Amino acid sequence: MSNSKLLAALCYFSVFFSPLLVPVIVYFVSGDREVKHHAKRSFVSHLVPVILLIAGLIIFSFSMFSYTNNMNGMMGGNFGFWQLTPFLFMLIYGLLLLAILIWNVFQGIKVLR
């Protein structure tokens, strides 16, 4: 097994211990084109959950603002869209994170073969 395959697989497996740092370091340190390709792919796959987490924080902010507006207004028992959105987001985010984790493990094993 060559060092380039191990480096490329390490980029994918780094989702467990250092998701964004390892692919960036390998991309800039390695001179092999194939390793750089895998480092770039793994970096993008590790970046997707971070971007979604930022979007989730924004959604959570809107839902909290909506909740405080409902508390200041009428005290109705309606459960609006913005109150339900964080729960939907957590469900979608969890499923997507699991899919990305499985994809990274699959790609890491595929590179090692």
PDB file of N, CA and C in Angstrom:
ATOM      1  N   MET A   1       0.842  -1.164   0.000  1.00  0.00           N
ATOM      2  CA  MET A   1       0.000   0.000   0.000  1.00  0.00           C
ATOM      3  C   MET A   1       0.898   1.242   0.000  1.00  0.00           C
ATOM      4  N   SER A   2       0.580   2.164  -0.870  1.00  0.00           N
ATOM      5  CA  SER A   2       1.424   3.349  -1.011  1.00  0.00           C
ATOM      6  C   SER A   2       1.014   4.450  -0.031  1.00  0.00           C
ATOM      7  N   ASN A   3       1.951   5.369   0.158  1.00  0.00           N
ATOM      8  CA  ASN A   3       1.682   6.495   1.060  1.00  0.00           C
ATOM      9  C   ASN A   3       0.582   7.401   0.525  1.00  0.00           C
ATOM     10  N   SER A   4       0.504   7.520  -0.799  1.00  0.00           N
ATOM     11  CA  SER A   4      -0.519   8.391  -1.368  1.00  0.00           C
ATOM     12  C   SER A   4      -1.923   7.859  -1.082  1.00  0.00           C
ATOM     13  N   LYS A   5      -2.103   6.537  -1.126  1.00  0.00           N
ATOM     14  CA  LYS A   5      -3.407   5.964  -0.802  1.00  0.00           C
ATOM     15  C   LYS A   5      -3.746   6.174   0.667  1.00  0.00           C
ATOM     16  N   LEU A   6      -2.744   6.034   1.529  1.00  0.00           N
ATOM     17  CA  LEU A   6      -2.987   6.242   2.951  1.00  0.00           C
ATOM     18  C   LEU A   6      -3.346   7.692   3.249  1.00  0.00           C
ATOM     19  N   LEU A   7      -2.672   8.631   2.607  1.00  0.00           N
ATOM     20  CA  LEU A   7      -2.982  10.043   2.804  1.00  0.00           C
ATOM     21  C   LEU A   7      -4.389  10.381   2.309  1.00  0.00           C
ATOM     22  N   ALA A   8      -4.731   9.846   1.147  1.00  0.00           N
ATOM     23  CA  ALA A   8      -6.065  10.109   0.596  1.00  0.00           C
ATOM     24  C   ALA A   8      -7.145   9.514   1.500  1.00  0.00           C
ATOM     25  N   ALA A   9      -6.921   8.306   2.005  1.00  0.00           N
ATOM     26  CA  ALA A   9      -7.898   7.685   2.906  1.00  0.00           C
ATOM     27  C   ALA A   9      -7.965   8.438   4.233  1.00  0.00           C
ATOM     28  N   LEU A  10      -6.828   8.938   4.703  1.00  0.00           N
ATOM     29  CA  LEU A  10      -6.798   9.699   5.947  1.00  0.00           C
ATOM     30  C   LEU A  10      -7.649  10.963   5.842  1.00  0.00           C
ATOM     31  N   CYS A  11      -7.670  11.563   4.676  1.00  0.00           N
ATOM     32  CA  CYS A  11      -8.515  12.749   4.473  1.00  0.00           C
ATOM     33  C   CYS A  11      -9.984  12.420   4.696  1.00  0.00           C
ATOM     34  N   TYR A  12     -10.418  11.272   4.214  1.00  0.00           N
ATOM     35  CA  TYR A  12     -11.818  10.884   4.405  1.00  0.00           C
ATOM     36  C   TYR A  12     -12.091  10.455   5.847  1.00  0.00           C
ATOM     37  N   PHE A  13     -11.161   9.707   6.444  1.00  0.00           N
ATOM     38  CA  PHE A  13     -11.365   9.225   7.804  1.00  0.00           C
ATOM     39  C   PHE A  13     -11.209  10.329   8.848  1.00  0.00           C
ATOM     40  N   SER A  14     -10.684  11.470   8.450  1.00  0.00           N
ATOM     41  CA  SER A  14     -10.505  12.567   9.405  1.00  0.00           C
ATOM     42  C   SER A  14     -11.827  13.175   9.841  1.00  0.00           C
ATOM     43  N   VAL A  15     -12.926  12.734   9.266  1.00  0.00           N
ATOM     44  CA  VAL A  15     -14.245  13.203   9.687  1.00  0.00           C
ATOM     45  C   VAL A  15     -14.481  12.845  11.156  1.00  0.00           C
ATOM     46  N   PHE A  16     -13.761  11.859  11.673  1.00  0.00           N
ATOM     47  CA  PHE A  16     -13.929  11.435  13.054  1.00  0.00           C
ATOM     48  C   PHE A  16     -13.089  12.242  14.041  1.00  0.00           C
ATOM     49  N   PHE A  17     -11.951  12.802  13.607  1.00  0.00           N
ATOM     50  CA  PHE A  17     -11.080  13.452  14.580  1.00  0.00           C
ATOM     51  C   PHE A  17     -10.704  14.886  14.250  1.00  0.00           C
ATOM     52  N   SER A  18     -10.614  15.281  13.011  1.00  0.00           N
ATOM     53  CA  SER A  18     -10.286  16.670  12.658  1.00  0.00           C
ATOM     54  C   SER A  18     -10.800  16.965  11.263  1.00  0.00           C
ATOM     55  N   PRO A  19     -12.096  17.209  11.143  1.00  0.00           N
ATOM     56  CA  PRO A  19     -12.737  17.244   9.830  1.00  0.00           C
ATOM     57  C   PRO A  19     -12.190  18.268   8.846  1.00  0.00           C
ATOM     58  N   LEU A  20     -11.976  19.488   9.256  1.00  0.00           N
ATOM     59  CA  LEU A  20     -11.584  20.500   8.282  1.00  0.00           C
ATOM     60  C   LEU A  20     -10.074  20.671   8.173  1.00  0.00           C
ATOM     61  N   LEU A  21      -9.364  20.373   9.222  1.00  0.00           N
ATOM     62  CA  LEU A  21      -7.936  20.661   9.264  1.00  0.00           C
ATOM     63  C   LEU A  21      -7.100  19.690   8.433  1.00  0.00           C
ATOM     64  N   VAL A  22      -7.335  18.406   8.566  1.00  0.00           N
ATOM     65  CA  VAL A  22      -6.507  17.405   7.882  1.00  0.00           C
ATOM     66  C   VAL A  22      -6.587  17.510   6.355  1.00  0.00           C
ATOM     67  N   PRO A  23      -7.768  17.613   5.747  1.00  0.00           N
ATOM     68  CA  PRO A  23      -7.793  17.727   4.282  1.00  0.00           C
ATOM     69  C   PRO A  23      -7.093  18.982   3.753  1.00  0.00           C
ATOM     70  N   VAL A  24      -7.194  20.087   4.483  1.00  0.00           N
ATOM     71  CA  VAL A  24      -6.525  21.320   4.045  1.00  0.00           C
ATOM     72  C   VAL A  24      -5.014  21.155   4.112  1.00  0.00           C
ATOM     73  N   ILE A  25      -4.520  20.584   5.202  1.00  0.00           N
ATOM     74  CA  ILE A  25      -3.070  20.379   5.342  1.00  0.00           C
ATOM     75  C   ILE A  25      -2.571  19.427   4.273  1.00  0.00           C
ATOM     76  N   VAL A  26      -3.275  18.326   4.058  1.00  0.00           N
ATOM     77  CA  VAL A  26      -2.848  17.350   3.041  1.00  0.00           C
ATOM     78  C   VAL A  26      -2.896  17.978   1.655  1.00  0.00           C
ATOM     79  N   TYR A  27      -3.902  18.809   1.394  1.00  0.00           N
ATOM     80  CA  TYR A  27      -4.008  19.443   0.076  1.00  0.00           C
ATOM     81  C   TYR A  27      -2.797  20.333  -0.210  1.00  0.00           C
ATOM     82  N   PHE A  28      -2.367  21.109   0.771  1.00  0.00           N
ATOM     83  CA  PHE A  28      -1.258  22.030   0.538  1.00  0.00           C
ATOM     84  C   PHE A  28       0.113  21.380   0.671  1.00  0.00           C
ATOM     85  N   VAL A  29       0.216  20.285   1.417  1.00  0.00           N
ATOM     86  CA  VAL A  29       1.518  19.641   1.626  1.00  0.00           C
ATOM     87  C   VAL A  29       1.826  18.615   0.538  1.00  0.00           C
ATOM     88  N   SER A  30       0.835  17.890   0.105  1.00  0.00           N
ATOM     89  CA  SER A  30       1.057  16.810  -0.849  1.00  0.00           C
ATOM     90  C   SER A  30       1.290  17.348  -2.262  1.00  0.00           C
ATOM     91  N   GLY A  31       2.155  16.684  -2.963  1.00  0.00           N
ATOM     92  CA  GLY A  31       2.420  17.051  -4.347  1.00  0.00           C
ATOM     93  C   GLY A  31       1.709  16.152  -5.347  1.00  0.00           C
ATOM     94  N   ASP A  32       1.156  15.053  -4.857  1.00  0.00           N
ATOM     95  CA  ASP A  32       0.474  14.089  -5.719  1.00  0.00           C
ATOM     96  C   ASP A  32      -0.900  14.630  -6.120  1.00  0.00           C
ATOM     97  N   ARG A  33      -1.185  14.566  -7.402  1.00  0.00           N
ATOM     98  CA  ARG A  33      -2.446  15.086  -7.931  1.00  0.00           C
ATOM     99  C   ARG A  33      -3.653  14.297  -7.440  1.00  0.00           C
ATOM    100  N   GLU A  34      -3.515  13.003  -7.349  1.00  0.00           N
ATOM    101  CA  GLU A  34      -4.606  12.144  -6.886  1.00  0.00           C
ATOM    102  C   GLU A  34      -4.935  12.422  -5.413  1.00  0.00           C
ATOM    103  N   VAL A  35      -3.923  12.605  -4.600  1.00  0.00           N
ATOM    104  CA  VAL A  35      -4.140  12.903  -3.179  1.00  0.00           C
ATOM    105  C   VAL A  35      -4.824  14.256  -3.033  1.00  0.00           C
ATOM    106  N   LYS A  36      -4.405  15.243  -3.840  1.00  0.00           N
ATOM    107  CA  LYS A  36      -5.034  16.559  -3.789  1.00  0.00           C
ATOM    108  C   LYS A  36      -6.512  16.472  -4.184  1.00  0.00           C
ATOM    109  N   HIS A  37      -6.803  15.643  -5.161  1.00  0.00           N
ATOM    110  CA  HIS A  37      -8.189  15.455  -5.587  1.00  0.00           C
ATOM    111  C   HIS A  37      -9.036  14.913  -4.436  1.00  0.00           C
ATOM    112  N   HIS A  38      -8.539  13.893  -3.750  1.00  0.00           N
ATOM    113  CA  HIS A  38      -9.290  13.306  -2.638  1.00  0.00           C
ATOM    114  C   HIS A  38      -9.356  14.261  -1.443  1.00  0.00           C
ATOM    115  N   ALA A  39      -8.303  15.030  -1.228  1.00  0.00           N
ATOM    116  CA  ALA A  39      -8.314  16.004  -0.132  1.00  0.00           C
ATOM    117  C   ALA A  39      -9.378  17.068  -0.384  1.00  0.00           C
ATOM    118  N   LYS A  40      -9.485  17.506  -1.633  1.00  0.00           N
ATOM    119  CA  LYS A  40     -10.486  18.515  -1.970  1.00  0.00           C
ATOM    120  C   LYS A  40     -11.905  17.961  -1.803  1.00  0.00           C
ATOM    121  N   ARG A  41     -12.130  16.740  -2.262  1.00  0.00           N
ATOM    122  CA  ARG A  41     -13.454  16.126  -2.124  1.00  0.00           C
ATOM    123  C   ARG A  41     -13.834  15.922  -0.664  1.00  0.00           C
ATOM    124  N   SER A  42     -12.877  15.468   0.133  1.00  0.00           N
ATOM    125  CA  SER A  42     -13.189  15.243   1.540  1.00  0.00           C
ATOM    126  C   SER A  42     -13.399  16.574   2.268  1.00  0.00           C
ATOM    127  N   PHE A  43     -12.656  17.610   1.891  1.00  0.00           N
ATOM    128  CA  PHE A  43     -12.855  18.916   2.510  1.00  0.00           C
ATOM    129  C   PHE A  43     -14.261  19.445   2.236  1.00  0.00           C
ATOM    130  N   VAL A  44     -14.722  19.297   1.015  1.00  0.00           N
ATOM    131  CA  VAL A  44     -16.071  19.756   0.675  1.00  0.00           C
ATOM    132  C   VAL A  44     -17.118  18.951   1.441  1.00  0.00           C
ATOM    133  N   SER A  45     -16.908  17.644   1.555  1.00  0.00           N
ATOM    134  CA  SER A  45     -17.876  16.832   2.287  1.00  0.00           C
ATOM    135  C   SER A  45     -17.857  17.141   3.780  1.00  0.00           C
ATOM    136  N   HIS A  46     -16.715  17.604   4.301  1.00  0.00           N
ATOM    137  CA  HIS A  46     -16.651  17.989   5.706  1.00  0.00           C
ATOM    138  C   HIS A  46     -17.193  19.403   5.921  1.00  0.00           C
ATOM    139  N   LEU A  47     -17.179  20.208   4.882  1.00  0.00           N
ATOM    140  CA  LEU A  47     -17.628  21.585   4.977  1.00  0.00           C
ATOM    141  C   LEU A  47     -19.155  21.712   4.933  1.00  0.00           C
ATOM    142  N   VAL A  48     -19.813  20.779   4.292  1.00  0.00           N
ATOM    143  CA  VAL A  48     -21.273  20.827   4.156  1.00  0.00           C
ATOM    144  C   VAL A  48     -21.976  20.868   5.520  1.00  0.00           C
ATOM    145  N   PRO A  49     -21.624  20.002   6.494  1.00  0.00           N
ATOM    146  CA  PRO A  49     -22.301  20.099   7.790  1.00  0.00           C
ATOM    147  C   PRO A  49     -22.040  21.417   8.518  1.00  0.00           C
ATOM    148  N   VAL A  50     -20.858  21.989   8.343  1.00  0.00           N
ATOM    149  CA  VAL A  50     -20.556  23.267   8.997  1.00  0.00           C
ATOM    150  C   VAL A  50     -21.444  24.371   8.433  1.00  0.00           C
ATOM    151  N   ILE A  51     -21.596  24.397   7.124  1.00  0.00           N
ATOM    152  CA  ILE A  51     -22.457  25.408   6.499  1.00  0.00           C
ATOM    153  C   ILE A  51     -23.907  25.211   6.928  1.00  0.00           C
ATOM    154  N   LEU A  52     -24.345  23.960   6.993  1.00  0.00           N
ATOM    155  CA  LEU A  52     -25.715  23.692   7.435  1.00  0.00           C
ATOM    156  C   LEU A  52     -25.916  24.051   8.900  1.00  0.00           C
ATOM    157  N   LEU A  53     -24.876  23.886   9.704  1.00  0.00           N
ATOM    158  CA  LEU A  53     -24.987  24.260  11.109  1.00  0.00           C
ATOM    159  C   LEU A  53     -25.143  25.770  11.261  1.00  0.00           C
ATOM    160  N   ILE A  54     -24.436  26.538  10.463  1.00  0.00           N
ATOM    161  CA  ILE A  54     -24.595  27.991  10.471  1.00  0.00           C
ATOM    162  C   ILE A  54     -26.010  28.367  10.041  1.00  0.00           C
ATOM    163  N   ALA A  55     -26.513  27.694   9.007  1.00  0.00           N
ATOM    164  CA  ALA A  55     -27.889  27.941   8.576  1.00  0.00           C
ATOM    165  C   ALA A  55     -28.871  27.570   9.685  1.00  0.00           C
ATOM    166  N   GLY A  56     -28.585  26.511  10.408  1.00  0.00           N
ATOM    167  CA  GLY A  56     -29.445  26.106  11.521  1.00  0.00           C
ATOM    168  C   GLY A  56     -29.462  27.123  12.642  1.00  0.00           C
ATOM    169  N   LEU A  57     -28.325  27.741  12.910  1.00  0.00           N
ATOM    170  CA  LEU A  57     -28.288  28.788  13.928  1.00  0.00           C
ATOM    171  C   LEU A  57     -29.133  29.986  13.520  1.00  0.00           C
ATOM    172  N   ILE A  58     -29.109  30.303  12.238  1.00  0.00           N
ATOM    173  CA  ILE A  58     -29.944  31.395  11.740  1.00  0.00           C
ATOM    174  C   ILE A  58     -31.420  31.028  11.860  1.00  0.00           C
ATOM    175  N   ILE A  59     -31.767  29.800  11.506  1.00  0.00           N
ATOM    176  CA  ILE A  59     -33.152  29.343  11.630  1.00  0.00           C
ATOM    177  C   ILE A  59     -33.583  29.367  13.091  1.00  0.00           C
ATOM    178  N   PHE A  60     -32.697  28.924  13.972  1.00  0.00           N
ATOM    179  CA  PHE A  60     -33.021  28.937  15.397  1.00  0.00           C
ATOM    180  C   PHE A  60     -33.244  30.367  15.899  1.00  0.00           C
ATOM    181  N   SER A  61     -32.447  31.292  15.399  1.00  0.00           N
ATOM    182  CA  SER A  61     -32.614  32.698  15.783  1.00  0.00           C
ATOM    183  C   SER A  61     -33.980  33.222  15.353  1.00  0.00           C
ATOM    184  N   PHE A  62     -34.385  32.906  14.124  1.00  0.00           N
ATOM    185  CA  PHE A  62     -35.705  33.328  13.659  1.00  0.00           C
ATOM    186  C   PHE A  62     -36.820  32.693  14.475  1.00  0.00           C
ATOM    187  N   SER A  63     -36.640  31.432  14.839  1.00  0.00           N
ATOM    188  CA  SER A  63     -37.693  30.766  15.609  1.00  0.00           C
ATOM    189  C   SER A  63     -37.801  31.357  17.008  1.00  0.00           C
ATOM    190  N   MET A  64     -36.674  31.714  17.600  1.00  0.00           N
ATOM    191  CA  MET A  64     -36.727  32.339  18.927  1.00  0.00           C
ATOM    192  C   MET A  64     -37.356  33.724  18.847  1.00  0.00           C
ATOM    193  N   PHE A  65     -37.039  34.473  17.788  1.00  0.00           N
ATOM    194  CA  PHE A  65     -37.644  35.792  17.606  1.00  0.00           C
ATOM    195  C   PHE A  65     -39.145  35.661  17.414  1.00  0.00           C
ATOM    196  N   SER A  66     -39.553  34.663  16.663  1.00  0.00           N
ATOM    197  CA  SER A  66     -40.973  34.427  16.432  1.00  0.00           C
ATOM    198  C   SER A  66     -41.668  34.012  17.724  1.00  0.00           C
ATOM    199  N   TYR A  67     -40.981  33.224  18.529  1.00  0.00           N
ATOM    200  CA  TYR A  67     -41.564  32.768  19.793  1.00  0.00           C
ATOM    201  C   TYR A  67     -41.763  33.942  20.750  1.00  0.00           C
ATOM    202  N   THR A  68     -40.768  34.831  20.829  1.00  0.00           N
ATOM    203  CA  THR A  68     -40.916  35.973  21.728  1.00  0.00           C
ATOM    204  C   THR A  68     -41.996  36.922  21.228  1.00  0.00           C
ATOM    205  N   ASN A  69     -42.166  37.048  19.916  1.00  0.00           N
ATOM    206  CA  ASN A  69     -43.262  37.876  19.392  1.00  0.00           C
ATOM    207  C   ASN A  69     -44.624  37.281  19.742  1.00  0.00           C
ATOM    208  N   ASN A  70     -44.721  35.958  19.699  1.00  0.00           N
ATOM    209  CA  ASN A  70     -45.982  35.315  20.065  1.00  0.00           C
ATOM    210  C   ASN A  70     -46.274  35.486  21.552  1.00  0.00           C
ATOM    211  N   MET A  71     -45.231  35.495  22.362  1.00  0.00           N
ATOM    212  CA  MET A  71     -45.421  35.663  23.799  1.00  0.00           C
ATOM    213  C   MET A  71     -45.860  37.090  24.118  1.00  0.00           C
ATOM    214  N   ASN A  72     -45.351  38.075  23.358  1.00  0.00           N
ATOM    215  CA  ASN A  72     -45.740  39.461  23.593  1.00  0.00           C
ATOM    216  C   ASN A  72     -47.143  39.755  23.062  1.00  0.00           C
ATOM    217  N   GLY A  73     -47.530  39.066  22.037  1.00  0.00           N
ATOM    218  CA  GLY A  73     -48.852  39.276  21.435  1.00  0.00           C
ATOM    219  C   GLY A  73     -49.881  38.438  22.155  1.00  0.00           C
ATOM    220  N   MET A  74     -50.731  37.865  21.376  1.00  0.00           N
ATOM    221  CA  MET A  74     -51.769  37.047  21.992  1.00  0.00           C
ATOM    222  C   MET A  74     -51.191  35.707  22.421  1.00  0.00           C
ATOM    223  N   MET A  75     -51.737  35.163  23.450  1.00  0.00           N
ATOM    224  CA  MET A  75     -51.236  33.916  24.017  1.00  0.00           C
ATOM    225  C   MET A  75     -52.009  32.729  23.445  1.00  0.00           C
ATOM    226  N   GLY A  76     -52.093  32.679  22.162  1.00  0.00           N
ATOM    227  CA  GLY A  76     -52.830  31.604  21.522  1.00  0.00           C
ATOM    228  C   GLY A  76     -52.068  30.294  21.609  1.00  0.00           C
ATOM    229  N   GLY A  77     -52.757  29.213  21.370  1.00  0.00           N
ATOM    230  CA  GLY A  77     -52.144  27.911  21.440  1.00  0.00           C
ATOM    231  C   GLY A  77     -51.628  27.422  20.101  1.00  0.00           C
ATOM    232  N   ASN A  78     -51.503  28.318  19.122  1.00  0.00           N
ATOM    233  CA  ASN A  78     -51.053  27.850  17.807  1.00  0.00           C
ATOM    234  C   ASN A  78     -49.548  27.642  17.822  1.00  0.00           C
ATOM    235  N   PHE A  79     -49.147  26.615  17.136  1.00  0.00           N
ATOM    236  CA  PHE A  79     -47.740  26.244  17.024  1.00  0.00           C
ATOM    237  C   PHE A  79     -47.336  26.526  15.592  1.00  0.00           C
ATOM    238  N   GLY A  80     -46.715  27.660  15.356  1.00  0.00           N
ATOM    239  CA  GLY A  80     -46.445  28.131  14.007  1.00  0.00           C
ATOM    240  C   GLY A  80     -45.270  27.445  13.344  1.00  0.00           C
ATOM    241  N   PHE A  81     -45.039  27.855  12.126  1.00  0.00           N
ATOM    242  CA  PHE A  81     -43.972  27.275  11.309  1.00  0.00           C
ATOM    243  C   PHE A  81     -42.606  27.481  11.939  1.00  0.00           C
ATOM    244  N   TRP A  82     -42.330  28.671  12.436  1.00  0.00           N
ATOM    245  CA  TRP A  82     -41.000  28.968  12.967  1.00  0.00           C
ATOM    246  C   TRP A  82     -40.721  28.248  14.271  1.00  0.00           C
ATOM    247  N   GLN A  83     -41.750  27.847  14.986  1.00  0.00           N
ATOM    248  CA  GLN A  83     -41.533  27.058  16.191  1.00  0.00           C
ATOM    249  C   GLN A  83     -41.235  25.597  15.855  1.00  0.00           C
ATOM    250  N   LEU A  84     -41.752  25.140  14.744  1.00  0.00           N
ATOM    251  CA  LEU A  84     -41.539  23.758  14.322  1.00  0.00           C
ATOM    252  C   LEU A  84     -40.246  23.585  13.531  1.00  0.00           C
ATOM    253  N   THR A  85     -39.747  24.649  12.950  1.00  0.00           N
ATOM    254  CA  THR A  85     -38.588  24.581  12.071  1.00  0.00           C
ATOM    255  C   THR A  85     -37.326  24.017  12.732  1.00  0.00           C
ATOM    256  N   PRO A  86     -36.974  24.396  13.967  1.00  0.00           N
ATOM    257  CA  PRO A  86     -35.757  23.811  14.556  1.00  0.00           C
ATOM    258  C   PRO A  86     -35.816  22.293  14.683  1.00  0.00           C
ATOM    259  N   PHE A  87     -36.983  21.750  14.981  1.00  0.00           N
ATOM    260  CA  PHE A  87     -37.105  20.299  15.092  1.00  0.00           C
ATOM    261  C   PHE A  87     -36.935  19.620  13.734  1.00  0.00           C
ATOM    262  N   LEU A  88     -37.536  20.212  12.718  1.00  0.00           N
ATOM    263  CA  LEU A  88     -37.355  19.675  11.363  1.00  0.00           C
ATOM    264  C   LEU A  88     -35.901  19.774  10.927  1.00  0.00           C
ATOM    265  N   PHE A  89     -35.285  20.899  11.258  1.00  0.00           N
ATOM    266  CA  PHE A  89     -33.883  21.085  10.890  1.00  0.00           C
ATOM    267  C   PHE A  89     -32.989  20.056  11.577  1.00  0.00           C
ATOM    268  N   MET A  90     -33.227  19.803  12.856  1.00  0.00           N
ATOM    269  CA  MET A  90     -32.403  18.822  13.567  1.00  0.00           C
ATOM    270  C   MET A  90     -32.553  17.436  12.961  1.00  0.00           C
ATOM    271  N   LEU A  91     -33.757  17.090  12.564  1.00  0.00           N
ATOM    272  CA  LEU A  91     -33.991  15.791  11.934  1.00  0.00           C
ATOM    273  C   LEU A  91     -33.261  15.690  10.600  1.00  0.00           C
ATOM    274  N   ILE A  92     -33.412  16.705   9.759  1.00  0.00           N
ATOM    275  CA  ILE A  92     -32.758  16.703   8.449  1.00  0.00           C
ATOM    276  C   ILE A  92     -31.246  16.754   8.608  1.00  0.00           C
ATOM    277  N   TYR A  93     -30.762  17.591   9.545  1.00  0.00           N
ATOM    278  CA  TYR A  93     -29.323  17.719   9.769  1.00  0.00           C
ATOM    279  C   TYR A  93     -28.728  16.395  10.258  1.00  0.00           C
ATOM    280  N   GLY A  94     -29.412  15.725  11.156  1.00  0.00           N
ATOM    281  CA  GLY A  94     -28.924  14.435  11.659  1.00  0.00           C
ATOM    282  C   GLY A  94     -28.843  13.385  10.566  1.00  0.00           C
ATOM    283  N   LEU A  95     -29.875  13.324   9.736  1.00  0.00           N
ATOM    284  CA  LEU A  95     -29.863  12.355   8.636  1.00  0.00           C
ATOM    285  C   LEU A  95     -28.769  12.665   7.617  1.00  0.00           C
ATOM    286  N   LEU A  96     -28.607  13.946   7.303  1.00  0.00           N
ATOM    287  CA  LEU A  96     -27.564  14.340   6.358  1.00  0.00           C
ATOM    288  C   LEU A  96     -26.175  14.088   6.928  1.00  0.00           C
ATOM    289  N   LEU A  97     -25.985  14.356   8.210  1.00  0.00           N
ATOM    290  CA  LEU A  97     -24.701  14.112   8.843  1.00  0.00           C
ATOM    291  C   LEU A  97     -24.361  12.627   8.839  1.00  0.00           C
ATOM    292  N   LEU A  98     -25.349  11.796   9.090  1.00  0.00           N
ATOM    293  CA  LEU A  98     -25.137  10.347   9.040  1.00  0.00           C
ATOM    294  C   LEU A  98     -24.788   9.896   7.631  1.00  0.00           C
ATOM    295  N   ALA A  99     -25.474  10.450   6.632  1.00  0.00           N
ATOM    296  CA  ALA A  99     -25.176  10.092   5.243  1.00  0.00           C
ATOM    297  C   ALA A  99     -23.762  10.532   4.851  1.00  0.00           C
ATOM    298  N   ILE A 100     -23.348  11.717   5.275  1.00  0.00           N
ATOM    299  CA  ILE A 100     -22.007  12.204   4.952  1.00  0.00           C
ATOM    300  C   ILE A 100     -20.958  11.366   5.661  1.00  0.00           C
ATOM    301  N   LEU A 101     -21.234  10.971   6.894  1.00  0.00           N
ATOM    302  CA  LEU A 101     -20.305  10.121   7.636  1.00  0.00           C
ATOM    303  C   LEU A 101     -20.131   8.774   6.943  1.00  0.00           C
ATOM    304  N   ILE A 102     -21.230   8.168   6.534  1.00  0.00           N
ATOM    305  CA  ILE A 102     -21.156   6.879   5.822  1.00  0.00           C
ATOM    306  C   ILE A 102     -20.436   7.052   4.490  1.00  0.00           C
ATOM    307  N   TRP A 103     -20.716   8.148   3.778  1.00  0.00           N
ATOM    308  CA  TRP A 103     -20.067   8.392   2.498  1.00  0.00           C
ATOM    309  C   TRP A 103     -18.552   8.534   2.667  1.00  0.00           C
ATOM    310  N   ASN A 104     -18.108   9.238   3.703  1.00  0.00           N
ATOM    311  CA  ASN A 104     -16.679   9.406   3.935  1.00  0.00           C
ATOM    312  C   ASN A 104     -15.999   8.084   4.269  1.00  0.00           C
ATOM    313  N   VAL A 105     -16.639   7.269   5.091  1.00  0.00           N
ATOM    314  CA  VAL A 105     -16.065   5.960   5.409  1.00  0.00           C
ATOM    315  C   VAL A 105     -16.002   5.089   4.151  1.00  0.00           C
ATOM    316  N   PHE A 106     -17.071   5.115   3.365  1.00  0.00           N
ATOM    317  CA  PHE A 106     -17.092   4.336   2.120  1.00  0.00           C
ATOM    318  C   PHE A 106     -15.977   4.790   1.162  1.00  0.00           C
ATOM    319  N   GLN A 107     -15.819   6.102   1.005  1.00  0.00           N
ATOM    320  CA  GLN A 107     -14.785   6.615   0.108  1.00  0.00           C
ATOM    321  C   GLN A 107     -13.389   6.287   0.630  1.00  0.00           C
ATOM    322  N   GLY A 108     -13.190   6.360   1.953  1.00  0.00           N
ATOM    323  CA  GLY A 108     -11.890   6.016   2.528  1.00  0.00           C
ATOM    324  C   GLY A 108     -11.537   4.558   2.284  1.00  0.00           C
ATOM    325  N   ILE A 109     -12.504   3.672   2.463  1.00  0.00           N
ATOM    326  CA  ILE A 109     -12.265   2.236   2.201  1.00  0.00           C
ATOM    327  C   ILE A 109     -12.035   2.005   0.721  1.00  0.00           C
ATOM    328  N   LYS A 110     -12.780   2.708  -0.121  1.00  0.00           N
ATOM    329  CA  LYS A 110     -12.626   2.560  -1.563  1.00  0.00           C
ATOM    330  C   LYS A 110     -11.222   2.979  -2.023  1.00  0.00           C
ATOM    331  N   VAL A 111     -10.688   4.050  -1.428  1.00  0.00           N
ATOM    332  CA  VAL A 111      -9.348   4.507  -1.791  1.00  0.00           C
ATOM    333  C   VAL A 111      -8.301   3.493  -1.363  1.00  0.00           C
ATOM    334  N   LEU A 112      -8.504   2.843  -0.228  1.00  0.00           N
ATOM    335  CA  LEU A 112      -7.529   1.884   0.277  1.00  0.00           C
ATOM    336  C   LEU A 112      -7.480   0.583  -0.537  1.00  0.00           C
ATOM    337  N   ARG A 113      -8.525   0.284  -1.286  1.00  0.00           N
ATOM    338  CA  ARG A 113      -8.537  -0.963  -2.075  1.00  0.00           C
ATOM    339  C   ARG A 113      -7.679  -0.883  -3.269  1.00  0.00           C
TER     340      ARG A 113
END
